[in-house]
Amino acid sequence: MATGSGKTVVMAMLIAWQTLNKVASPSNPRYAKRFLVITPGITIRDRLRVLQPNDPQNYYRLRGLVPPGL
């Protein structure tokens, strides 16, 4: 995919969807509670820090992917 097409946002949406479903149904094995993101280099790894919930600029909060309070 091209630069700026939203790959990171899609990754954040998938992680948020899986996590929220796991919280709602903890015993359901279809939903993951851990995620592994592998990157081809340090530059890409640094750009993907926005996928970590403890990052101040995380996409879950900035883009409203997770409702406040969760």
N, C-alpha and C. Protein backbone atom coordinates (compact mmCIF):
# COMPACT_ATOMS: atom_id res chain seq x y z
N MET A 1 0.84 -1.18 0.00
CA MET A 1 0.00 0.00 0.00
C MET A 1 0.88 1.24 0.00
N ALA A 2 0.33 2.31 -0.47
CA ALA A 2 1.07 3.56 -0.60
C ALA A 2 1.22 4.28 0.73
N THR A 3 2.22 5.13 0.80
CA THR A 3 2.43 5.96 1.98
C THR A 3 1.23 6.87 2.17
N GLY A 4 0.76 6.96 3.41
CA GLY A 4 -0.37 7.85 3.72
C GLY A 4 -1.73 7.27 3.42
N SER A 5 -1.81 5.98 3.11
CA SER A 5 -3.10 5.39 2.76
C SER A 5 -3.88 4.88 3.97
N GLY A 6 -3.26 4.92 5.18
CA GLY A 6 -3.99 4.57 6.39
C GLY A 6 -3.71 3.19 6.95
N LYS A 7 -2.59 2.61 6.62
CA LYS A 7 -2.25 1.27 7.12
C LYS A 7 -2.18 1.24 8.65
N THR A 8 -1.57 2.24 9.25
CA THR A 8 -1.43 2.27 10.70
C THR A 8 -2.79 2.45 11.37
N VAL A 9 -3.64 3.24 10.79
CA VAL A 9 -4.99 3.43 11.35
C VAL A 9 -5.77 2.11 11.30
N VAL A 10 -5.65 1.39 10.20
CA VAL A 10 -6.32 0.09 10.09
C VAL A 10 -5.79 -0.87 11.14
N MET A 11 -4.47 -0.88 11.35
CA MET A 11 -3.89 -1.73 12.39
C MET A 11 -4.44 -1.36 13.76
N ALA A 12 -4.53 -0.07 14.04
CA ALA A 12 -5.06 0.39 15.32
C ALA A 12 -6.52 -0.02 15.49
N MET A 13 -7.29 0.07 14.41
CA MET A 13 -8.70 -0.33 14.48
C MET A 13 -8.84 -1.83 14.77
N LEU A 14 -8.02 -2.65 14.12
CA LEU A 14 -8.08 -4.09 14.36
C LEU A 14 -7.69 -4.44 15.79
N ILE A 15 -6.65 -3.79 16.30
CA ILE A 15 -6.21 -4.04 17.68
C ILE A 15 -7.30 -3.60 18.65
N ALA A 16 -7.89 -2.43 18.43
CA ALA A 16 -8.95 -1.95 19.31
C ALA A 16 -10.17 -2.87 19.27
N TRP A 17 -10.55 -3.32 18.08
CA TRP A 17 -11.71 -4.20 17.93
C TRP A 17 -11.48 -5.51 18.67
N GLN A 18 -10.30 -6.12 18.49
CA GLN A 18 -9.99 -7.36 19.17
C GLN A 18 -9.99 -7.17 20.70
N THR A 19 -9.37 -6.10 21.16
CA THR A 19 -9.25 -5.85 22.59
C THR A 19 -10.61 -5.62 23.23
N LEU A 20 -11.43 -4.78 22.62
CA LEU A 20 -12.76 -4.50 23.18
C LEU A 20 -13.64 -5.74 23.20
N ASN A 21 -13.54 -6.57 22.17
CA ASN A 21 -14.30 -7.82 22.17
C ASN A 21 -13.78 -8.79 23.22
N LYS A 22 -12.48 -8.82 23.45
CA LYS A 22 -11.92 -9.69 24.48
C LYS A 22 -12.37 -9.24 25.87
N VAL A 23 -12.46 -7.93 26.09
CA VAL A 23 -12.94 -7.41 27.37
C VAL A 23 -14.41 -7.79 27.57
N ALA A 24 -15.19 -7.70 26.50
CA ALA A 24 -16.61 -8.02 26.60
C ALA A 24 -16.86 -9.52 26.74
N SER A 25 -16.00 -10.34 26.14
CA SER A 25 -16.15 -11.80 26.18
C SER A 25 -14.80 -12.44 26.50
N PRO A 26 -14.35 -12.37 27.76
CA PRO A 26 -13.01 -12.86 28.11
C PRO A 26 -12.77 -14.34 27.82
N SER A 27 -13.81 -15.14 27.86
CA SER A 27 -13.60 -16.58 27.65
C SER A 27 -13.68 -16.99 26.18
N ASN A 28 -13.98 -16.07 25.30
CA ASN A 28 -14.10 -16.39 23.88
C ASN A 28 -12.70 -16.47 23.25
N PRO A 29 -12.30 -17.63 22.75
CA PRO A 29 -10.95 -17.79 22.21
C PRO A 29 -10.74 -17.10 20.85
N ARG A 30 -11.80 -16.58 20.25
CA ARG A 30 -11.64 -15.90 18.96
C ARG A 30 -10.93 -14.56 19.08
N TYR A 31 -10.90 -13.99 20.27
CA TYR A 31 -10.33 -12.66 20.46
C TYR A 31 -9.00 -12.74 21.19
N ALA A 32 -8.05 -11.95 20.71
CA ALA A 32 -6.70 -11.95 21.29
C ALA A 32 -6.60 -10.91 22.40
N LYS A 33 -5.70 -11.18 23.34
CA LYS A 33 -5.44 -10.18 24.37
C LYS A 33 -4.01 -9.66 24.29
N ARG A 34 -3.22 -10.23 23.40
CA ARG A 34 -1.85 -9.78 23.17
C ARG A 34 -1.61 -9.63 21.68
N PHE A 35 -0.74 -8.70 21.31
CA PHE A 35 -0.47 -8.44 19.91
C PHE A 35 1.03 -8.30 19.68
N LEU A 36 1.48 -8.79 18.56
CA LEU A 36 2.88 -8.68 18.18
C LEU A 36 2.94 -7.98 16.84
N VAL A 37 3.64 -6.85 16.81
CA VAL A 37 3.81 -6.10 15.57
C VAL A 37 5.29 -6.18 15.20
N ILE A 38 5.56 -6.74 14.04
CA ILE A 38 6.93 -6.90 13.56
C ILE A 38 7.17 -5.87 12.46
N THR A 39 8.28 -5.16 12.56
CA THR A 39 8.59 -4.12 11.59
C THR A 39 9.90 -4.43 10.88
N PRO A 40 10.07 -3.91 9.66
CA PRO A 40 11.30 -4.18 8.90
C PRO A 40 12.50 -3.34 9.32
N GLY A 41 12.29 -2.37 10.18
CA GLY A 41 13.41 -1.54 10.59
C GLY A 41 13.05 -0.60 11.72
N ILE A 42 14.06 0.09 12.21
CA ILE A 42 13.90 0.99 13.34
C ILE A 42 13.00 2.18 13.00
N THR A 43 13.11 2.71 11.80
CA THR A 43 12.30 3.86 11.41
C THR A 43 10.81 3.52 11.45
N ILE A 44 10.45 2.39 10.88
CA ILE A 44 9.05 1.98 10.89
C ILE A 44 8.60 1.67 12.32
N ARG A 45 9.45 1.03 13.09
CA ARG A 45 9.12 0.73 14.50
C ARG A 45 8.79 2.02 15.25
N ASP A 46 9.59 3.05 15.04
CA ASP A 46 9.35 4.32 15.72
C ASP A 46 8.03 4.95 15.27
N ARG A 47 7.68 4.81 14.01
CA ARG A 47 6.42 5.36 13.51
C ARG A 47 5.21 4.62 14.08
N LEU A 48 5.40 3.35 14.40
CA LEU A 48 4.29 2.55 14.90
C LEU A 48 4.12 2.63 16.42
N ARG A 49 4.87 3.47 17.07
CA ARG A 49 4.70 3.65 18.52
C ARG A 49 3.29 4.14 18.86
N VAL A 50 2.62 4.76 17.90
CA VAL A 50 1.26 5.24 18.13
C VAL A 50 0.28 4.09 18.37
N LEU A 51 0.71 2.86 18.15
CA LEU A 51 -0.13 1.69 18.42
C LEU A 51 -0.03 1.24 19.86
N GLN A 52 0.91 1.79 20.61
CA GLN A 52 1.05 1.43 22.01
C GLN A 52 0.14 2.33 22.85
N PRO A 53 -0.72 1.73 23.68
CA PRO A 53 -1.68 2.53 24.45
C PRO A 53 -1.03 3.55 25.39
N ASN A 54 0.18 3.29 25.85
CA ASN A 54 0.83 4.23 26.77
C ASN A 54 1.55 5.37 26.06
N ASP A 55 1.55 5.38 24.74
CA ASP A 55 2.16 6.49 23.99
C ASP A 55 1.25 7.71 24.07
N PRO A 56 1.82 8.90 24.35
CA PRO A 56 0.96 10.09 24.48
C PRO A 56 0.20 10.44 23.20
N GLN A 57 0.70 10.02 22.05
CA GLN A 57 0.05 10.32 20.77
C GLN A 57 -0.64 9.09 20.18
N ASN A 58 -1.08 8.15 21.05
CA ASN A 58 -1.66 6.90 20.53
C ASN A 58 -2.93 7.17 19.73
N TYR A 59 -3.13 6.34 18.71
CA TYR A 59 -4.27 6.51 17.79
C TYR A 59 -5.60 6.16 18.45
N TYR A 60 -5.59 5.34 19.48
CA TYR A 60 -6.84 4.94 20.11
C TYR A 60 -7.55 6.14 20.72
N ARG A 61 -6.78 7.04 21.32
CA ARG A 61 -7.35 8.23 21.93
C ARG A 61 -7.50 9.35 20.90
N LEU A 62 -6.46 9.59 20.11
CA LEU A 62 -6.49 10.70 19.16
C LEU A 62 -7.57 10.54 18.09
N ARG A 63 -7.82 9.34 17.68
CA ARG A 63 -8.79 9.10 16.61
C ARG A 63 -10.12 8.57 17.13
N GLY A 64 -10.24 8.50 18.46
CA GLY A 64 -11.52 8.09 19.07
C GLY A 64 -11.88 6.64 18.79
N LEU A 65 -10.89 5.76 18.70
CA LEU A 65 -11.17 4.35 18.41
C LEU A 65 -11.71 3.60 19.62
N VAL A 66 -11.35 4.05 20.80
CA VAL A 66 -11.82 3.42 22.05
C VAL A 66 -12.61 4.48 22.82
N PRO A 67 -13.82 4.14 23.25
CA PRO A 67 -14.61 5.11 24.01
C PRO A 67 -13.87 5.57 25.27
N PRO A 68 -14.01 6.84 25.65
CA PRO A 68 -13.36 7.34 26.86
C PRO A 68 -13.77 6.52 28.08
N GLY A 69 -12.83 6.27 28.95
CA GLY A 69 -13.10 5.54 30.17
C GLY A 69 -12.83 4.05 30.07
N LEU A 70 -12.51 3.58 28.87
CA LEU A 70 -12.20 2.14 28.73
C LEU A 70 -10.72 1.93 28.62
